[in-house]
Protein backbone atom coordinates (compact mmCIF):
# COMPACT_ATOMS: atom_id res chain seq x y z
CA UNK A 1 -75.29 12.45 -29.54
CA UNK A 2 -74.33 10.41 -32.60
CA UNK A 3 -73.41 6.76 -32.27
CA UNK A 4 -71.57 4.45 -34.66
CA UNK A 5 -71.37 0.68 -34.24
CA UNK A 6 -68.30 -1.04 -35.69
CA UNK A 7 -68.80 -4.78 -36.24
CA UNK A 8 -65.69 -6.81 -37.08
CA UNK A 9 -67.08 -9.70 -39.11
CA UNK A 10 -63.72 -11.49 -38.82
CA UNK A 11 -63.99 -11.79 -35.05
CA UNK A 12 -64.22 -15.35 -33.81
CA UNK A 13 -67.72 -15.24 -32.31
CA UNK A 14 -69.28 -12.52 -34.43
CA UNK A 15 -72.04 -14.94 -35.48
CA UNK A 16 -73.26 -14.94 -31.87
CA UNK A 17 -73.70 -11.18 -31.75
CA UNK A 18 -77.33 -10.04 -31.55
CA UNK A 19 -77.07 -6.56 -33.02
CA UNK A 20 -80.73 -5.71 -32.37
CA UNK A 21 -80.39 -6.71 -28.73
CA UNK A 22 -77.22 -4.62 -28.47
CA UNK A 23 -78.86 -1.51 -29.93
CA UNK A 24 -81.80 -1.93 -27.59
CA UNK A 25 -79.53 -2.31 -24.54
CA UNK A 26 -77.73 0.88 -25.52
CA UNK A 27 -80.94 2.71 -26.46
CA UNK A 28 -79.26 3.44 -29.78
CA UNK A 29 -81.70 2.07 -32.38
CA UNK A 30 -80.80 4.92 -34.74
CA UNK A 31 -77.06 4.23 -34.60
CA UNK A 32 -75.13 3.70 -37.82
CA UNK A 33 -73.91 0.10 -38.06
CA UNK A 34 -70.75 -0.47 -40.10
CA UNK A 35 -69.45 -3.95 -40.94
CA UNK A 36 -65.68 -4.21 -41.28
CA UNK A 37 -63.07 -6.94 -41.49
CA UNK A 38 -59.56 -7.24 -40.07
CA UNK A 39 -58.05 -5.32 -42.98
CA UNK A 40 -60.52 -2.40 -42.99
CA UNK A 41 -59.18 1.01 -42.01
CA UNK A 42 -62.45 2.17 -40.49
CA UNK A 43 -63.24 5.66 -39.20
CA UNK A 44 -65.66 7.12 -36.67
CA UNK A 45 -64.62 10.75 -36.70
CA UNK A 46 -68.23 11.91 -36.98
CA UNK A 47 -69.48 9.92 -33.97
CA UNK A 48 -69.59 10.89 -30.32
CA UNK A 49 -69.95 7.28 -29.15
CA UNK A 50 -68.27 4.32 -30.84
CA UNK A 51 -69.47 0.78 -30.09
CA UNK A 52 -66.83 -1.84 -30.80
CA UNK A 53 -68.07 -5.34 -31.66
CA UNK A 54 -65.14 -7.70 -31.99
CA UNK A 55 -62.27 -9.18 -30.05
CA UNK A 56 -59.48 -7.74 -27.96
CA UNK A 57 -57.53 -6.72 -31.07
CA UNK A 58 -60.50 -4.76 -32.42
CA UNK A 59 -60.85 -2.95 -29.11
CA UNK A 60 -57.12 -2.25 -29.07
CA UNK A 61 -57.33 -0.60 -32.49
CA UNK A 62 -60.27 1.52 -31.34
CA UNK A 63 -58.42 2.71 -28.23
CA UNK A 64 -55.44 3.60 -30.43
CA UNK A 65 -57.66 5.52 -32.86
CA UNK A 66 -59.98 7.29 -30.41
CA UNK A 67 -58.61 7.37 -26.85
CA UNK A 68 -60.74 10.44 -26.05
CA UNK A 69 -64.08 9.31 -27.47
CA UNK A 70 -66.72 7.41 -25.55
CA UNK A 71 -66.11 3.77 -26.47
CA UNK A 72 -68.38 0.83 -25.67
CA UNK A 73 -67.12 -2.74 -26.00
CA UNK A 74 -69.38 -5.61 -27.10
CA UNK A 75 -67.01 -8.63 -26.96
CA UNK A 76 -67.48 -11.22 -29.71
CA UNK A 77 -63.90 -12.35 -30.29
CA UNK A 78 -62.39 -15.76 -29.72
CA UNK A 79 -61.12 -15.42 -26.14
CA UNK A 80 -62.36 -11.97 -25.07
CA UNK A 81 -59.76 -11.61 -22.33
CA UNK A 82 -60.45 -7.91 -21.71
CA UNK A 83 -64.13 -8.50 -21.00
CA UNK A 84 -63.20 -10.92 -18.20
CA UNK A 85 -61.78 -8.08 -16.10
CA UNK A 86 -65.15 -6.56 -15.13
CA UNK A 87 -68.17 -4.58 -16.32
CA UNK A 88 -66.17 -1.58 -17.49
CA UNK A 89 -62.62 -0.69 -18.42
CA UNK A 90 -61.56 2.27 -16.28
CA UNK A 91 -57.83 2.26 -17.04
CA UNK A 92 -55.39 0.78 -19.52
CA UNK A 93 -51.69 0.08 -19.71
CA UNK A 94 -49.36 2.42 -21.56
CA UNK A 95 -45.98 1.55 -23.06
CA UNK A 96 -44.06 4.42 -24.67
CA UNK A 97 -47.36 6.19 -25.32
CA UNK A 98 -49.12 3.15 -26.84
CA UNK A 99 -52.22 2.06 -24.95
CA UNK A 100 -53.25 -1.56 -24.36
CA UNK A 101 -56.27 -2.99 -22.62
CA UNK A 102 -54.94 -6.17 -21.00
CA UNK A 103 -51.60 -7.51 -22.27
CA UNK A 104 -48.30 -6.56 -23.87
CA UNK A 105 -45.98 -9.54 -24.09
CA UNK A 106 -43.02 -11.02 -25.94
CA UNK A 107 -41.38 -14.41 -25.98
CA UNK A 108 -42.64 -17.98 -25.64
CA UNK A 109 -46.14 -18.63 -26.99
CA UNK A 110 -46.96 -14.94 -27.46
CA UNK A 111 -46.86 -15.41 -31.24
CA UNK A 112 -50.04 -17.45 -30.91
CA UNK A 113 -52.04 -14.31 -30.16
CA UNK A 114 -51.48 -12.78 -33.58
CA UNK A 115 -50.77 -15.86 -35.73
CA UNK A 116 -54.06 -17.77 -35.65
CA UNK A 117 -55.87 -17.50 -38.99
CA UNK A 118 -59.18 -15.67 -39.11
CA UNK A 119 -61.08 -18.51 -40.74
CA UNK A 120 -59.73 -21.01 -38.20
CA UNK A 121 -60.86 -18.83 -35.30
CA UNK A 122 -64.33 -18.40 -36.80
CA UNK A 123 -64.68 -22.12 -37.45
CA UNK A 124 -62.87 -23.67 -34.48
CA UNK A 125 -63.16 -20.84 -31.90
CA UNK A 126 -60.52 -21.19 -29.14
CA UNK A 127 -59.48 -24.62 -30.44
CA UNK A 128 -57.85 -22.78 -33.36
CA UNK A 129 -54.98 -21.85 -31.04
CA UNK A 130 -54.10 -25.41 -30.03
CA UNK A 131 -52.10 -26.41 -33.16
CA UNK A 132 -49.99 -23.29 -32.65
CA UNK A 133 -48.91 -24.32 -29.16
CA UNK A 134 -46.43 -26.88 -30.45
CA UNK A 135 -45.30 -24.60 -33.27
CA UNK A 136 -44.36 -21.83 -30.86
CA UNK A 137 -43.11 -24.02 -28.01
CA UNK A 138 -39.61 -22.55 -28.00
CA UNK A 139 -37.08 -21.32 -25.51
CA UNK A 140 -36.31 -17.65 -26.10
CA UNK A 141 -33.28 -15.73 -24.89
CA UNK A 142 -34.49 -12.16 -24.45
CA UNK A 143 -31.83 -10.21 -22.62
CA UNK A 144 -33.45 -7.37 -20.71
CA UNK A 145 -32.89 -5.09 -17.76
CA UNK A 146 -36.03 -4.61 -15.69
CA UNK A 147 -36.41 -1.59 -13.40
CA UNK A 148 -39.65 -2.19 -11.55
CA UNK A 149 -40.45 0.55 -9.04
CA UNK A 150 -37.54 0.37 -6.55
CA UNK A 151 -36.02 -2.92 -7.76
CA UNK A 152 -33.81 -3.88 -10.69
CA UNK A 153 -33.21 -7.20 -12.42
CA UNK A 154 -31.17 -8.21 -15.45
CA UNK A 155 -31.24 -11.63 -17.11
CA UNK A 156 -32.23 -13.65 -20.15
CA UNK A 157 -35.98 -14.30 -20.28
CA UNK A 158 -38.12 -16.62 -22.34
CA UNK A 159 -41.29 -14.65 -21.55
CA UNK A 160 -41.91 -11.03 -20.59
CA UNK A 161 -45.58 -10.25 -20.02
CA UNK A 162 -47.09 -6.97 -18.88
CA UNK A 163 -50.57 -7.88 -17.72
CA UNK A 164 -53.64 -5.92 -16.67
CA UNK A 165 -55.91 -8.86 -16.03
CA UNK A 166 -56.25 -12.01 -13.99
CA UNK A 167 -55.92 -14.11 -17.12
CA UNK A 168 -54.11 -14.65 -20.40
CA UNK A 169 -53.95 -17.52 -22.91
CA UNK A 170 -57.35 -18.44 -21.43
CA UNK A 171 -55.78 -19.32 -18.06
CA UNK A 172 -57.02 -17.60 -14.88
CA UNK A 173 -53.60 -17.63 -13.26
CA UNK A 174 -53.05 -14.21 -11.65
CA UNK A 175 -54.45 -14.90 -8.19
CA UNK A 176 -53.85 -11.39 -6.85
CA UNK A 177 -55.71 -9.39 -9.48
CA UNK A 178 -58.99 -9.13 -7.56
CA UNK A 179 -57.14 -7.46 -4.67
CA UNK A 180 -55.00 -5.24 -6.88
CA UNK A 181 -56.35 -4.75 -10.40
CA UNK A 182 -53.46 -2.73 -11.72
CA UNK A 183 -50.45 -3.73 -13.80
CA UNK A 184 -48.32 -6.83 -13.26
CA UNK A 185 -45.04 -8.02 -14.71
CA UNK A 186 -44.63 -11.73 -15.34
CA UNK A 187 -41.05 -12.66 -16.26
CA UNK A 188 -40.00 -16.27 -16.82
CA UNK A 189 -36.26 -16.87 -17.10
CA UNK A 190 -34.80 -18.47 -20.19
CA UNK A 191 -33.70 -22.09 -20.02
CA UNK A 192 -31.06 -21.33 -22.65
CA UNK A 193 -30.82 -21.92 -26.37
CA UNK A 194 -33.80 -23.53 -28.04
CA UNK A 195 -33.35 -27.31 -27.99
CA UNK A 196 -35.32 -30.30 -26.71
CA UNK A 197 -33.61 -30.35 -23.32
CA UNK A 198 -34.33 -26.70 -22.65
CA UNK A 199 -37.88 -26.98 -23.93
CA UNK A 200 -38.37 -29.70 -21.33
CA UNK A 201 -36.90 -27.42 -18.62
CA UNK A 202 -39.22 -24.55 -19.48
CA UNK A 203 -42.30 -26.76 -19.11
CA UNK A 204 -42.20 -26.69 -15.30
CA UNK A 205 -42.28 -22.93 -14.65
CA UNK A 206 -44.95 -22.49 -17.34
CA UNK A 207 -47.05 -25.28 -15.80
CA UNK A 208 -46.64 -23.78 -12.34
CA UNK A 209 -47.68 -20.28 -13.42
CA UNK A 210 -50.46 -20.94 -15.90
CA UNK A 211 -51.98 -24.24 -14.74
CA UNK A 212 -51.73 -23.99 -10.95
CA UNK A 213 -51.83 -20.19 -10.74
CA UNK A 214 -49.45 -17.70 -9.19
CA UNK A 215 -49.32 -15.23 -6.35
CA UNK A 216 -46.99 -12.22 -6.53
CA UNK A 217 -43.41 -13.02 -5.67
CA UNK A 218 -39.92 -13.75 -6.90
CA UNK A 219 -38.99 -17.35 -7.54
CA UNK A 220 -35.94 -19.13 -8.90
CA UNK A 221 -37.25 -19.30 -12.47
CA UNK A 222 -39.96 -16.63 -12.60
CA UNK A 223 -41.47 -13.61 -10.93
CA UNK A 224 -44.89 -12.00 -10.85
CA UNK A 225 -44.89 -8.47 -9.46
CA UNK A 226 -47.44 -5.64 -9.36
CA UNK A 227 -45.97 -2.28 -10.24
CA UNK A 228 -46.62 1.42 -10.65
CA UNK A 229 -43.82 2.10 -13.11
CA UNK A 230 -41.69 -0.31 -15.12
CA UNK A 231 -38.73 0.31 -17.41
CA UNK A 232 -37.70 -2.51 -19.75
CA UNK A 233 -34.39 -2.08 -21.54
CA UNK A 234 -34.15 -4.53 -24.43
CA UNK A 235 -30.82 -5.58 -25.88
CA UNK A 236 -32.43 -6.55 -29.20
CA UNK A 237 -35.72 -5.57 -30.94
CA UNK A 238 -38.60 -7.91 -30.14
CA UNK A 239 -42.00 -8.81 -31.57
CA UNK A 240 -44.75 -8.15 -29.02
CA UNK A 241 -48.31 -9.37 -28.81
CA UNK A 242 -50.35 -6.33 -27.75
CA UNK A 243 -53.99 -7.27 -27.11
CA UNK A 244 -53.67 -9.87 -29.86
CA UNK A 245 -51.99 -7.52 -32.34
CA UNK A 246 -48.39 -7.70 -33.56
CA UNK A 247 -46.23 -4.74 -32.59
CA UNK A 248 -42.44 -4.40 -32.86
CA UNK A 249 -40.57 -2.65 -30.07
CA UNK A 250 -36.96 -1.97 -29.17
CA UNK A 251 -34.72 -0.07 -26.81
CA UNK A 252 -36.15 1.41 -23.63
CA UNK A 253 -39.81 0.79 -22.87
CA UNK A 254 -41.55 2.91 -20.23
CA UNK A 255 -44.68 1.25 -18.83
CA UNK A 256 -47.35 2.61 -16.51
CA UNK A 257 -51.11 2.59 -15.97
CA UNK A 258 -53.25 5.21 -17.71
CA UNK A 259 -56.69 6.09 -16.25
CA UNK A 260 -59.37 6.60 -18.89
CA UNK A 261 -61.20 9.92 -18.88
CA UNK A 262 -64.21 8.04 -20.26
CA UNK A 263 -64.51 4.47 -18.90
CA UNK A 264 -65.38 1.85 -21.51
CA UNK A 265 -68.54 -0.10 -20.58
CA UNK A 266 -68.54 -3.80 -21.50
CA UNK A 267 -71.90 -4.90 -22.89
CA UNK A 268 -72.65 -8.53 -23.73
CA UNK A 269 -75.37 -9.03 -26.35
CA UNK A 270 -75.08 -12.57 -27.62
CA UNK A 271 -77.75 -14.70 -29.23
CA UNK A 272 -76.91 -17.36 -26.67
CA UNK A 273 -75.73 -16.85 -23.09
CA UNK A 274 -72.15 -15.63 -23.16
CA UNK A 275 -69.65 -18.25 -21.98
CA UNK A 276 -67.03 -15.61 -21.10
CA UNK A 277 -67.58 -14.43 -17.54
């Protein structure tokens, strides 16, 4: 079987990747190694197995390109959120046919995921995101109807996050994921128009969810619910962060979990011990 290794040299921790160690772990010393950057439209049509060396966005692009090929993920991005979910990816989320490995979100702070500059991430690692926190600290008013399994909600939200992980933004906040490792909806209600007073109001639910952690439930200002099927009806088009990539979506979004016919092993081959567990 032929094997191609795609190495995204723009990924935040690419310098830590030990390519020889990786090839040895995979018993693929004869594999073709291709170096790409974030703008490269790479192809692996001629390969049976594709090894993805990069961050969550690089993996997302590979899943979009080759959902039916055998993929292997060697995380060397900045946060590597997908690799924190286990030793292999056995299912993904699907929204209107588009697959995502761990998150699809819109609203407050989600712009950070696709706005950090490549050079900043390579130089500063996760610290590169910190200056963007203040820039994107805004109250959003995303009017949406949410049909989640047998329940319906309609309101203005400042954050809508579909999550297949115990973590996002680097925070291990989803306390229930180890018991139920499927899809979750996190919805934080809007405080109103974006001004200083409402930015202050939104601090408390965000602090509660992301800093102290959350169990599934419905609260006054937010809810975190596992689901089998979710329908989001958006009043206006929105910019989404999908595994760190910018995607624009509008109208009715159908969301469910998609099992992978070929699970994606997660292989860590760093020059130094990997800090992402």
